[in-house]
Amino acid sequence: MRWFVRSCCNQSTEQVEALLRPELVPGFPGEFIFLRHGQTDWNRSGKVMGQRDIALNAEGLRQAGEAARSLHGFGVSRILVSPLKRCQETAEIIAQELKLPFQTIAELQERDWGVFEGGPPEARLSAYDAPPNGETTRAFSQRLALGLSQLEPLERSLVISHSGVYRALIGKGREQKIGYAKPVVIKIMQQNKPML
């Protein structure tokens, strides 16, 4: 069986429709909200962060606060978060606003880019599937599947993670962008059902 994902959110973010990678969310016929962390100084300067533990900058903190206020209408009942500082800081602001605890899921952290971390994004193109001293595309996908198995169909979960996780989830690879701290509702539907 194949599943599709459609993501949609507020007016400032594009709609995306793509084939969901079924191995990442097996048997999960529902929806959840995905949110990338707020901006960091490394984001602003264009460095590959990977698993480097970089904090939010002032703009990232502002973005997280804005996201927290915008999430009131989403009916979030559970928050799952990457352990990296930029996601933890984003989650703290959102959890306080929504008066919810959050759960740290190690498998939701960004891909390990090995020797490419700290460098420009174009450097990793030479070894995208297997970066030296890093995580292969396959290992990354397997880890994410384990983290996303924590989703519960009867709960409205918010997943706070990274752009690489989002791209892996929707199967768009390098070309798909996601804004900082912009909620994206990901709806998973069977192939033979119409997209809403």
N, C-alpha and C. Protein backbone atom coordinates (compact mmCIF):
# COMPACT_ATOMS: atom_id res chain seq x y z
N MET A 1 0.84 -1.18 0.00
CA MET A 1 0.00 0.00 0.00
C MET A 1 0.88 1.24 0.00
N ARG A 2 0.49 2.26 -0.73
CA ARG A 2 1.26 3.50 -0.78
C ARG A 2 0.47 4.60 -0.11
N TRP A 3 1.18 5.55 0.44
CA TRP A 3 0.56 6.67 1.13
C TRP A 3 1.07 7.96 0.52
N PHE A 4 0.25 8.99 0.61
CA PHE A 4 0.67 10.30 0.15
C PHE A 4 0.70 11.26 1.32
N VAL A 5 1.51 12.27 1.19
CA VAL A 5 1.54 13.32 2.20
C VAL A 5 1.26 14.65 1.53
N ARG A 6 0.44 15.44 2.15
CA ARG A 6 0.26 16.81 1.71
C ARG A 6 0.57 17.69 2.91
N SER A 7 1.36 18.68 2.69
CA SER A 7 1.64 19.60 3.78
C SER A 7 1.04 20.95 3.44
N CYS A 8 0.47 21.58 4.44
CA CYS A 8 -0.10 22.90 4.23
C CYS A 8 -0.02 23.65 5.54
N CYS A 9 0.09 24.90 5.46
CA CYS A 9 0.17 25.67 6.68
C CYS A 9 -0.32 27.07 6.42
N ASN A 10 0.33 28.08 6.99
CA ASN A 10 -0.17 29.44 6.84
C ASN A 10 0.23 30.03 5.48
N GLN A 11 -0.23 31.22 5.22
CA GLN A 11 -0.05 31.84 3.91
C GLN A 11 1.41 32.07 3.54
N SER A 12 2.29 32.12 4.52
CA SER A 12 3.70 32.43 4.21
C SER A 12 4.50 31.20 3.79
N THR A 13 3.88 30.02 3.79
CA THR A 13 4.60 28.81 3.41
C THR A 13 3.90 28.13 2.24
N GLU A 14 4.69 27.65 1.29
CA GLU A 14 4.14 26.97 0.12
C GLU A 14 3.47 25.66 0.51
N GLN A 15 2.52 25.24 -0.33
CA GLN A 15 1.97 23.91 -0.17
C GLN A 15 2.88 22.93 -0.88
N VAL A 16 3.04 21.76 -0.30
CA VAL A 16 3.89 20.73 -0.87
C VAL A 16 3.09 19.45 -0.94
N GLU A 17 3.16 18.77 -2.07
CA GLU A 17 2.49 17.48 -2.21
C GLU A 17 3.52 16.50 -2.74
N ALA A 18 3.71 15.39 -2.07
CA ALA A 18 4.75 14.46 -2.47
C ALA A 18 4.40 13.05 -2.00
N LEU A 19 5.02 12.08 -2.61
CA LEU A 19 4.86 10.70 -2.17
C LEU A 19 5.59 10.53 -0.84
N LEU A 20 4.84 10.08 0.16
CA LEU A 20 5.44 9.82 1.46
C LEU A 20 6.31 8.57 1.38
N ARG A 21 7.42 8.59 2.04
CA ARG A 21 8.27 7.40 2.10
C ARG A 21 7.65 6.47 3.14
N PRO A 22 6.94 5.42 2.70
CA PRO A 22 6.17 4.60 3.63
C PRO A 22 7.01 3.91 4.70
N GLU A 23 8.29 3.69 4.44
CA GLU A 23 9.12 3.05 5.46
C GLU A 23 9.37 3.96 6.66
N LEU A 24 9.13 5.27 6.51
CA LEU A 24 9.36 6.19 7.62
C LEU A 24 8.19 6.26 8.58
N VAL A 25 6.98 6.13 8.08
CA VAL A 25 5.80 6.16 8.94
C VAL A 25 4.89 5.00 8.56
N PRO A 26 5.31 3.76 8.82
CA PRO A 26 4.52 2.61 8.39
C PRO A 26 3.18 2.52 9.12
N GLY A 27 2.11 2.35 8.33
CA GLY A 27 0.80 2.13 8.92
C GLY A 27 0.26 3.27 9.74
N PHE A 28 0.60 4.50 9.42
CA PHE A 28 0.12 5.65 10.20
C PHE A 28 -0.85 6.47 9.36
N PRO A 29 -2.13 6.10 9.34
CA PRO A 29 -3.10 6.81 8.52
C PRO A 29 -3.69 8.01 9.26
N GLY A 30 -3.00 9.10 9.29
CA GLY A 30 -3.48 10.25 10.02
C GLY A 30 -2.70 11.49 9.62
N GLU A 31 -2.46 12.34 10.60
CA GLU A 31 -1.69 13.54 10.32
C GLU A 31 -0.92 13.96 11.56
N PHE A 32 0.08 14.76 11.32
CA PHE A 32 0.84 15.36 12.40
C PHE A 32 1.37 16.70 11.92
N ILE A 33 1.91 17.47 12.82
CA ILE A 33 2.43 18.79 12.48
C ILE A 33 3.94 18.73 12.58
N PHE A 34 4.60 19.22 11.54
CA PHE A 34 6.05 19.28 11.53
C PHE A 34 6.46 20.73 11.64
N LEU A 35 7.50 20.99 12.43
CA LEU A 35 8.02 22.34 12.58
C LEU A 35 9.55 22.28 12.65
N ARG A 36 10.19 22.98 11.73
CA ARG A 36 11.64 23.11 11.80
C ARG A 36 11.98 24.10 12.91
N HIS A 37 13.11 23.92 13.56
CA HIS A 37 13.58 24.83 14.59
C HIS A 37 13.74 26.26 14.04
N GLY A 38 13.89 27.21 14.94
CA GLY A 38 14.17 28.60 14.54
C GLY A 38 15.60 28.74 14.03
N GLN A 39 15.90 29.92 13.53
CA GLN A 39 17.20 30.19 12.89
C GLN A 39 18.36 30.22 13.90
N THR A 40 19.54 29.80 13.42
CA THR A 40 20.78 29.91 14.19
C THR A 40 21.76 30.78 13.40
N ASP A 41 22.85 31.15 14.04
CA ASP A 41 23.88 31.91 13.32
C ASP A 41 24.48 31.09 12.18
N TRP A 42 24.60 29.78 12.37
CA TRP A 42 25.13 28.93 11.30
C TRP A 42 24.16 28.88 10.12
N ASN A 43 22.85 28.86 10.40
CA ASN A 43 21.88 28.93 9.31
C ASN A 43 22.07 30.23 8.53
N ARG A 44 22.18 31.31 9.25
CA ARG A 44 22.29 32.63 8.62
C ARG A 44 23.54 32.73 7.76
N SER A 45 24.62 32.11 8.19
CA SER A 45 25.86 32.19 7.41
C SER A 45 26.00 31.07 6.38
N GLY A 46 25.02 30.15 6.32
CA GLY A 46 25.01 29.13 5.29
C GLY A 46 25.89 27.92 5.56
N LYS A 47 26.21 27.65 6.81
CA LYS A 47 27.04 26.49 7.14
C LYS A 47 26.18 25.23 7.32
N VAL A 48 26.74 24.10 6.96
CA VAL A 48 26.10 22.81 7.21
C VAL A 48 26.20 22.53 8.71
N MET A 49 25.06 22.36 9.38
CA MET A 49 25.09 22.11 10.82
C MET A 49 25.12 20.63 11.15
N GLY A 50 24.31 19.85 10.48
CA GLY A 50 24.25 18.44 10.82
C GLY A 50 23.95 18.26 12.29
N GLN A 51 24.78 17.52 12.99
CA GLN A 51 24.54 17.25 14.40
C GLN A 51 25.33 18.16 15.34
N ARG A 52 25.93 19.21 14.80
CA ARG A 52 26.57 20.19 15.68
C ARG A 52 25.49 20.85 16.52
N ASP A 53 25.77 21.05 17.79
CA ASP A 53 24.75 21.53 18.73
C ASP A 53 24.81 23.05 18.84
N ILE A 54 24.13 23.71 17.93
CA ILE A 54 24.16 25.17 17.81
C ILE A 54 22.85 25.74 18.37
N ALA A 55 22.96 26.80 19.18
CA ALA A 55 21.78 27.44 19.78
C ALA A 55 21.09 28.38 18.79
N LEU A 56 19.85 28.71 19.09
CA LEU A 56 19.12 29.70 18.30
C LEU A 56 19.76 31.07 18.48
N ASN A 57 19.67 31.90 17.44
CA ASN A 57 20.07 33.30 17.58
C ASN A 57 18.83 34.12 17.96
N ALA A 58 18.97 35.44 18.07
CA ALA A 58 17.84 36.28 18.48
C ALA A 58 16.67 36.14 17.53
N GLU A 59 16.95 36.07 16.24
CA GLU A 59 15.88 35.90 15.25
C GLU A 59 15.19 34.55 15.43
N GLY A 60 15.96 33.51 15.70
CA GLY A 60 15.40 32.19 15.93
C GLY A 60 14.49 32.14 17.15
N LEU A 61 14.88 32.84 18.21
CA LEU A 61 14.04 32.92 19.40
C LEU A 61 12.73 33.65 19.10
N ARG A 62 12.82 34.72 18.29
CA ARG A 62 11.62 35.45 17.88
C ARG A 62 10.71 34.55 17.05
N GLN A 63 11.30 33.81 16.11
CA GLN A 63 10.53 32.90 15.26
C GLN A 63 9.83 31.83 16.08
N ALA A 64 10.52 31.30 17.08
CA ALA A 64 9.92 30.27 17.94
C ALA A 64 8.72 30.83 18.70
N GLY A 65 8.84 32.07 19.19
CA GLY A 65 7.73 32.70 19.89
C GLY A 65 6.54 32.92 18.97
N GLU A 66 6.81 33.34 17.75
CA GLU A 66 5.75 33.54 16.76
C GLU A 66 5.06 32.21 16.44
N ALA A 67 5.86 31.16 16.27
CA ALA A 67 5.30 29.82 16.00
C ALA A 67 4.44 29.37 17.16
N ALA A 68 4.90 29.59 18.38
CA ALA A 68 4.15 29.16 19.57
C ALA A 68 2.76 29.79 19.57
N ARG A 69 2.69 31.08 19.28
CA ARG A 69 1.40 31.76 19.27
C ARG A 69 0.51 31.25 18.14
N SER A 70 1.11 30.93 17.00
CA SER A 70 0.32 30.47 15.85
C SER A 70 -0.21 29.04 16.04
N LEU A 71 0.38 28.28 16.93
CA LEU A 71 0.00 26.87 17.11
C LEU A 71 -1.25 26.66 17.97
N HIS A 72 -1.77 27.73 18.56
CA HIS A 72 -2.96 27.57 19.40
C HIS A 72 -4.13 26.95 18.65
N GLY A 73 -4.28 27.25 17.39
CA GLY A 73 -5.42 26.74 16.64
C GLY A 73 -5.21 25.36 16.03
N PHE A 74 -4.09 24.72 16.30
CA PHE A 74 -3.78 23.44 15.67
C PHE A 74 -4.19 22.22 16.50
N GLY A 75 -4.61 22.42 17.73
CA GLY A 75 -5.05 21.30 18.57
C GLY A 75 -3.95 20.34 18.95
N VAL A 76 -2.74 20.85 19.15
CA VAL A 76 -1.59 19.99 19.52
C VAL A 76 -1.82 19.38 20.89
N SER A 77 -1.62 18.05 20.98
CA SER A 77 -1.76 17.38 22.28
C SER A 77 -0.46 16.72 22.74
N ARG A 78 0.54 16.68 21.85
CA ARG A 78 1.81 16.01 22.18
C ARG A 78 2.93 16.65 21.36
N ILE A 79 4.11 16.82 21.99
CA ILE A 79 5.25 17.42 21.30
C ILE A 79 6.44 16.46 21.36
N LEU A 80 6.97 16.11 20.19
CA LEU A 80 8.15 15.26 20.08
C LEU A 80 9.28 16.11 19.50
N VAL A 81 10.48 16.01 20.09
CA VAL A 81 11.54 16.95 19.77
C VAL A 81 12.91 16.28 19.60
N SER A 82 13.67 16.78 18.63
CA SER A 82 15.07 16.41 18.48
C SER A 82 15.84 16.86 19.72
N PRO A 83 16.90 16.13 20.08
CA PRO A 83 17.68 16.52 21.26
C PRO A 83 18.64 17.70 21.03
N LEU A 84 18.82 18.13 19.80
CA LEU A 84 19.77 19.21 19.53
C LEU A 84 19.24 20.55 20.06
N LYS A 85 20.17 21.37 20.56
CA LYS A 85 19.84 22.59 21.28
C LYS A 85 18.88 23.51 20.53
N ARG A 86 19.05 23.64 19.22
CA ARG A 86 18.18 24.54 18.45
C ARG A 86 16.72 24.08 18.47
N CYS A 87 16.50 22.78 18.52
CA CYS A 87 15.14 22.24 18.62
C CYS A 87 14.63 22.31 20.05
N GLN A 88 15.50 22.01 21.01
CA GLN A 88 15.11 22.06 22.41
C GLN A 88 14.67 23.48 22.80
N GLU A 89 15.42 24.48 22.36
CA GLU A 89 15.06 25.88 22.67
C GLU A 89 13.74 26.26 22.01
N THR A 90 13.54 25.82 20.77
CA THR A 90 12.28 26.07 20.08
C THR A 90 11.14 25.40 20.85
N ALA A 91 11.35 24.16 21.27
CA ALA A 91 10.32 23.40 21.99
C ALA A 91 9.98 24.02 23.34
N GLU A 92 10.98 24.51 24.05
CA GLU A 92 10.73 25.12 25.36
C GLU A 92 9.77 26.30 25.24
N ILE A 93 9.99 27.13 24.23
CA ILE A 93 9.13 28.30 24.02
C ILE A 93 7.72 27.87 23.65
N ILE A 94 7.61 26.90 22.76
CA ILE A 94 6.30 26.42 22.31
C ILE A 94 5.56 25.70 23.43
N ALA A 95 6.26 24.83 24.14
CA ALA A 95 5.64 24.07 25.22
C ALA A 95 5.12 24.99 26.32
N GLN A 96 5.87 26.04 26.61
CA GLN A 96 5.43 26.99 27.64
C GLN A 96 4.16 27.70 27.18
N GLU A 97 4.13 28.11 25.94
CA GLU A 97 2.95 28.80 25.40
C GLU A 97 1.72 27.88 25.37
N LEU A 98 1.92 26.63 24.95
CA LEU A 98 0.80 25.69 24.83
C LEU A 98 0.49 24.94 26.13
N LYS A 99 1.32 25.17 27.14
CA LYS A 99 1.17 24.50 28.43
C LYS A 99 1.15 22.98 28.28
N LEU A 100 2.14 22.49 27.54
CA LEU A 100 2.30 21.06 27.30
C LEU A 100 3.74 20.65 27.60
N PRO A 101 3.96 19.43 28.07
CA PRO A 101 5.34 18.93 28.17
C PRO A 101 5.82 18.51 26.78
N PHE A 102 7.11 18.30 26.65
CA PHE A 102 7.61 17.75 25.39
C PHE A 102 8.50 16.56 25.67
N GLN A 103 8.58 15.69 24.68
CA GLN A 103 9.35 14.44 24.79
C GLN A 103 10.51 14.51 23.81
N THR A 104 11.72 14.31 24.30
CA THR A 104 12.91 14.30 23.44
C THR A 104 13.08 12.91 22.83
N ILE A 105 13.21 12.88 21.51
CA ILE A 105 13.39 11.63 20.77
C ILE A 105 14.73 11.71 20.04
N ALA A 106 15.71 10.95 20.49
CA ALA A 106 17.07 11.03 19.94
C ALA A 106 17.10 10.81 18.43
N GLU A 107 16.24 9.94 17.93
CA GLU A 107 16.26 9.59 16.51
C GLU A 107 15.75 10.70 15.60
N LEU A 108 15.21 11.79 16.17
CA LEU A 108 14.71 12.90 15.36
C LEU A 108 15.77 13.96 15.08
N GLN A 109 17.01 13.73 15.53
CA GLN A 109 18.03 14.74 15.26
C GLN A 109 18.44 14.74 13.80
N GLU A 110 19.09 15.81 13.40
CA GLU A 110 19.51 16.00 12.01
C GLU A 110 20.50 14.93 11.59
N ARG A 111 20.65 14.78 10.30
CA ARG A 111 21.61 13.82 9.74
C ARG A 111 23.03 14.21 10.13
N ASP A 112 23.85 13.23 10.38
CA ASP A 112 25.27 13.44 10.67
C ASP A 112 25.99 13.60 9.34
N TRP A 113 26.47 14.82 9.07
CA TRP A 113 27.14 15.10 7.80
C TRP A 113 28.66 14.93 7.88
N GLY A 114 29.17 14.40 8.98
CA GLY A 114 30.59 14.08 9.08
C GLY A 114 31.50 15.25 8.78
N VAL A 115 32.44 15.06 7.86
CA VAL A 115 33.46 16.08 7.56
C VAL A 115 32.87 17.34 6.95
N PHE A 116 31.62 17.29 6.48
CA PHE A 116 31.01 18.46 5.83
C PHE A 116 30.42 19.46 6.82
N GLU A 117 30.27 19.05 8.08
CA GLU A 117 29.68 19.96 9.06
C GLU A 117 30.61 21.15 9.30
N GLY A 118 30.01 22.33 9.26
CA GLY A 118 30.76 23.57 9.41
C GLY A 118 31.17 24.19 8.08
N GLY A 119 31.00 23.46 7.01
CA GLY A 119 31.36 23.94 5.68
C GLY A 119 30.14 24.40 4.89
N PRO A 120 30.35 24.77 3.62
CA PRO A 120 29.24 25.21 2.77
C PRO A 120 28.40 24.02 2.30
N PRO A 121 27.10 24.23 2.08
CA PRO A 121 26.22 23.13 1.67
C PRO A 121 26.64 22.43 0.38
N GLU A 122 27.19 23.18 -0.57
CA GLU A 122 27.56 22.57 -1.86
C GLU A 122 28.70 21.56 -1.72
N ALA A 123 29.49 21.63 -0.67
CA ALA A 123 30.60 20.69 -0.47
C ALA A 123 30.10 19.25 -0.31
N ARG A 124 28.94 19.08 0.29
CA ARG A 124 28.44 17.73 0.56
C ARG A 124 27.88 17.04 -0.67
N LEU A 125 27.70 17.76 -1.76
CA LEU A 125 27.13 17.17 -2.98
C LEU A 125 28.02 16.07 -3.55
N SER A 126 29.32 16.16 -3.30
CA SER A 126 30.24 15.16 -3.84
C SER A 126 30.06 13.78 -3.21
N ALA A 127 29.49 13.74 -2.02
CA ALA A 127 29.30 12.45 -1.33
C ALA A 127 27.98 12.48 -0.57
N TYR A 128 26.90 12.88 -1.24
CA TYR A 128 25.61 13.08 -0.58
C TYR A 128 25.10 11.82 0.10
N ASP A 129 25.20 10.66 -0.56
CA ASP A 129 24.65 9.43 0.00
C ASP A 129 25.50 8.80 1.09
N ALA A 130 26.80 9.12 1.11
CA ALA A 130 27.69 8.53 2.12
C ALA A 130 28.80 9.52 2.48
N PRO A 131 28.47 10.55 3.28
CA PRO A 131 29.50 11.53 3.64
C PRO A 131 30.59 10.90 4.52
N PRO A 132 31.87 11.22 4.27
CA PRO A 132 32.95 10.66 5.10
C PRO A 132 32.74 10.98 6.58
N ASN A 133 32.89 9.96 7.41
CA ASN A 133 32.69 10.06 8.87
C ASN A 133 31.28 10.49 9.25
N GLY A 134 30.33 10.32 8.33
CA GLY A 134 28.95 10.73 8.59
C GLY A 134 27.98 9.58 8.46
N GLU A 135 26.74 9.92 8.25
CA GLU A 135 25.65 8.96 8.22
C GLU A 135 25.17 8.76 6.78
N THR A 136 25.05 7.55 6.36
CA THR A 136 24.56 7.29 5.00
C THR A 136 23.08 7.64 4.91
N THR A 137 22.60 7.84 3.69
CA THR A 137 21.18 8.12 3.49
C THR A 137 20.33 7.00 4.07
N ARG A 138 20.74 5.77 3.86
CA ARG A 138 19.98 4.62 4.36
C ARG A 138 19.94 4.59 5.89
N ALA A 139 21.08 4.80 6.54
CA ALA A 139 21.13 4.78 8.00
C ALA A 139 20.28 5.91 8.58
N PHE A 140 20.33 7.07 7.95
CA PHE A 140 19.51 8.22 8.37
C PHE A 140 18.03 7.87 8.29
N SER A 141 17.60 7.30 7.19
CA SER A 141 16.19 6.92 7.01
C SER A 141 15.75 5.89 8.04
N GLN A 142 16.60 4.91 8.31
CA GLN A 142 16.26 3.88 9.29
C GLN A 142 16.12 4.48 10.69
N ARG A 143 17.00 5.40 11.02
CA ARG A 143 16.92 6.07 12.32
C ARG A 143 15.64 6.89 12.43
N LEU A 144 15.30 7.63 11.38
CA LEU A 144 14.09 8.45 11.41
C LEU A 144 12.85 7.59 11.58
N ALA A 145 12.82 6.44 10.90
CA ALA A 145 11.66 5.54 11.02
C ALA A 145 11.45 5.13 12.48
N LEU A 146 12.55 4.89 13.18
CA LEU A 146 12.46 4.53 14.59
C LEU A 146 11.89 5.70 15.41
N GLY A 147 12.36 6.91 15.13
CA GLY A 147 11.86 8.08 15.84
C GLY A 147 10.40 8.37 15.55
N LEU A 148 10.02 8.25 14.28
CA LEU A 148 8.64 8.55 13.89
C LEU A 148 7.67 7.46 14.32
N SER A 149 8.18 6.31 14.72
CA SER A 149 7.30 5.25 15.23
C SER A 149 6.67 5.67 16.56
N GLN A 150 7.15 6.75 17.16
CA GLN A 150 6.59 7.27 18.41
C GLN A 150 5.27 8.02 18.19
N LEU A 151 4.94 8.33 16.92
CA LEU A 151 3.69 9.02 16.61
C LEU A 151 2.50 8.14 16.97
N GLU A 152 1.46 8.76 17.49
CA GLU A 152 0.24 8.04 17.85
C GLU A 152 -0.91 8.56 17.00
N PRO A 153 -1.62 7.68 16.29
CA PRO A 153 -2.71 8.11 15.41
C PRO A 153 -3.81 8.89 16.10
N LEU A 154 -4.08 8.64 17.37
CA LEU A 154 -5.18 9.31 18.06
C LEU A 154 -4.77 10.62 18.72
N GLU A 155 -3.51 11.00 18.57
CA GLU A 155 -3.04 12.26 19.14
C GLU A 155 -2.64 13.22 18.03
N ARG A 156 -2.74 14.50 18.28
CA ARG A 156 -2.27 15.51 17.32
C ARG A 156 -0.85 15.90 17.75
N SER A 157 0.12 15.25 17.14
CA SER A 157 1.51 15.44 17.54
C SER A 157 2.16 16.57 16.77
N LEU A 158 3.02 17.28 17.46
CA LEU A 158 3.90 18.28 16.85
C LEU A 158 5.31 17.71 16.90
N VAL A 159 5.95 17.60 15.75
CA VAL A 159 7.33 17.12 15.66
C VAL A 159 8.22 18.32 15.39
N ILE A 160 9.13 18.63 16.31
CA ILE A 160 10.06 19.75 16.13
C ILE A 160 11.42 19.14 15.80
N SER A 161 11.86 19.40 14.57
CA SER A 161 13.07 18.74 14.10
C SER A 161 13.81 19.64 13.11
N HIS A 162 14.34 19.07 12.05
CA HIS A 162 15.29 19.74 11.16
C HIS A 162 14.87 19.66 9.70
N SER A 163 15.46 20.52 8.89
CA SER A 163 15.11 20.54 7.46
C SER A 163 15.47 19.23 6.78
N GLY A 164 16.57 18.60 7.18
CA GLY A 164 16.95 17.32 6.59
C GLY A 164 15.95 16.22 6.90
N VAL A 165 15.37 16.27 8.09
CA VAL A 165 14.35 15.30 8.47
C VAL A 165 13.10 15.52 7.61
N TYR A 166 12.72 16.78 7.42
CA TYR A 166 11.56 17.10 6.59
C TYR A 166 11.76 16.60 5.16
N ARG A 167 12.92 16.87 4.60
CA ARG A 167 13.19 16.45 3.21
C ARG A 167 13.18 14.92 3.11
N ALA A 168 13.75 14.24 4.09
CA ALA A 168 13.74 12.78 4.08
C ALA A 168 12.31 12.25 4.19
N LEU A 169 11.51 12.88 5.02
CA LEU A 169 10.14 12.44 5.23
C LEU A 169 9.30 12.53 3.97
N ILE A 170 9.40 13.64 3.26
CA ILE A 170 8.54 13.80 2.08
C ILE A 170 9.21 13.31 0.80
N GLY A 171 10.46 12.86 0.91
CA GLY A 171 11.12 12.25 -0.24
C GLY A 171 11.50 13.21 -1.34
N LYS A 172 11.74 14.47 -1.00
CA LYS A 172 12.08 15.46 -2.01
C LYS A 172 13.58 15.75 -2.09
N GLY A 173 14.35 15.18 -1.18
CA GLY A 173 15.80 15.36 -1.25
C GLY A 173 16.25 16.80 -1.07
N ARG A 174 17.32 17.14 -1.74
CA ARG A 174 17.98 18.43 -1.54
C ARG A 174 17.16 19.63 -1.96
N GLU A 175 16.25 19.45 -2.92
CA GLU A 175 15.59 20.62 -3.50
C GLU A 175 14.45 21.19 -2.67
N GLN A 176 13.94 20.45 -1.70
CA GLN A 176 12.79 20.93 -0.94
C GLN A 176 13.22 21.81 0.24
N LYS A 177 12.66 22.99 0.32
CA LYS A 177 12.97 23.94 1.40
C LYS A 177 11.81 23.98 2.38
N ILE A 178 12.13 24.30 3.62
CA ILE A 178 11.12 24.54 4.65
C ILE A 178 11.61 25.72 5.48
N GLY A 179 10.70 26.63 5.78
CA GLY A 179 11.05 27.83 6.53
C GLY A 179 11.36 27.54 7.99
N TYR A 180 11.92 28.53 8.66
CA TYR A 180 12.23 28.40 10.08
C TYR A 180 10.95 28.57 10.89
N ALA A 181 10.70 27.60 11.78
CA ALA A 181 9.60 27.67 12.75
C ALA A 181 8.26 27.96 12.10
N LYS A 182 7.98 27.31 10.97
CA LYS A 182 6.68 27.43 10.29
C LYS A 182 5.97 26.09 10.40
N PRO A 183 4.82 26.04 11.06
CA PRO A 183 4.11 24.76 11.19
C PRO A 183 3.61 24.25 9.84
N VAL A 184 3.81 22.96 9.62
CA VAL A 184 3.37 22.29 8.39
C VAL A 184 2.53 21.09 8.80
N VAL A 185 1.28 21.07 8.39
CA VAL A 185 0.42 19.92 8.69
C VAL A 185 0.67 18.87 7.63
N ILE A 186 1.09 17.69 8.04
CA ILE A 186 1.37 16.60 7.12
C ILE A 186 0.25 15.58 7.25
N LYS A 187 -0.51 15.44 6.16
CA LYS A 187 -1.64 14.51 6.12
C LYS A 187 -1.23 13.30 5.31
N ILE A 188 -1.42 12.15 5.89
CA ILE A 188 -1.04 10.90 5.24
C ILE A 188 -2.31 10.18 4.82
N MET A 189 -2.44 9.91 3.52
CA MET A 189 -3.65 9.30 2.97
C MET A 189 -3.30 8.16 2.06
N GLN A 190 -4.21 7.21 1.91
CA GLN A 190 -4.02 6.12 0.97
C GLN A 190 -4.03 6.67 -0.45
N GLN A 191 -3.31 6.00 -1.33
CA GLN A 191 -3.18 6.45 -2.70
C GLN A 191 -4.52 6.58 -3.42
N ASN A 192 -5.46 5.67 -3.14
CA ASN A 192 -6.70 5.68 -3.88
C ASN A 192 -7.73 6.67 -3.34
N LYS A 193 -7.36 7.44 -2.31
CA LYS A 193 -8.26 8.44 -1.78
C LYS A 193 -7.86 9.81 -2.31
N PRO A 194 -8.84 10.69 -2.56
CA PRO A 194 -8.49 12.00 -3.12
C PRO A 194 -7.75 12.87 -2.12
N MET A 195 -6.86 13.70 -2.66
CA MET A 195 -6.18 14.68 -1.83
C MET A 195 -7.15 15.81 -1.53
N LEU A 196 -7.24 16.26 -0.31
CA LEU A 196 -8.15 17.33 0.07
C LEU A 196 -7.55 18.68 -0.20
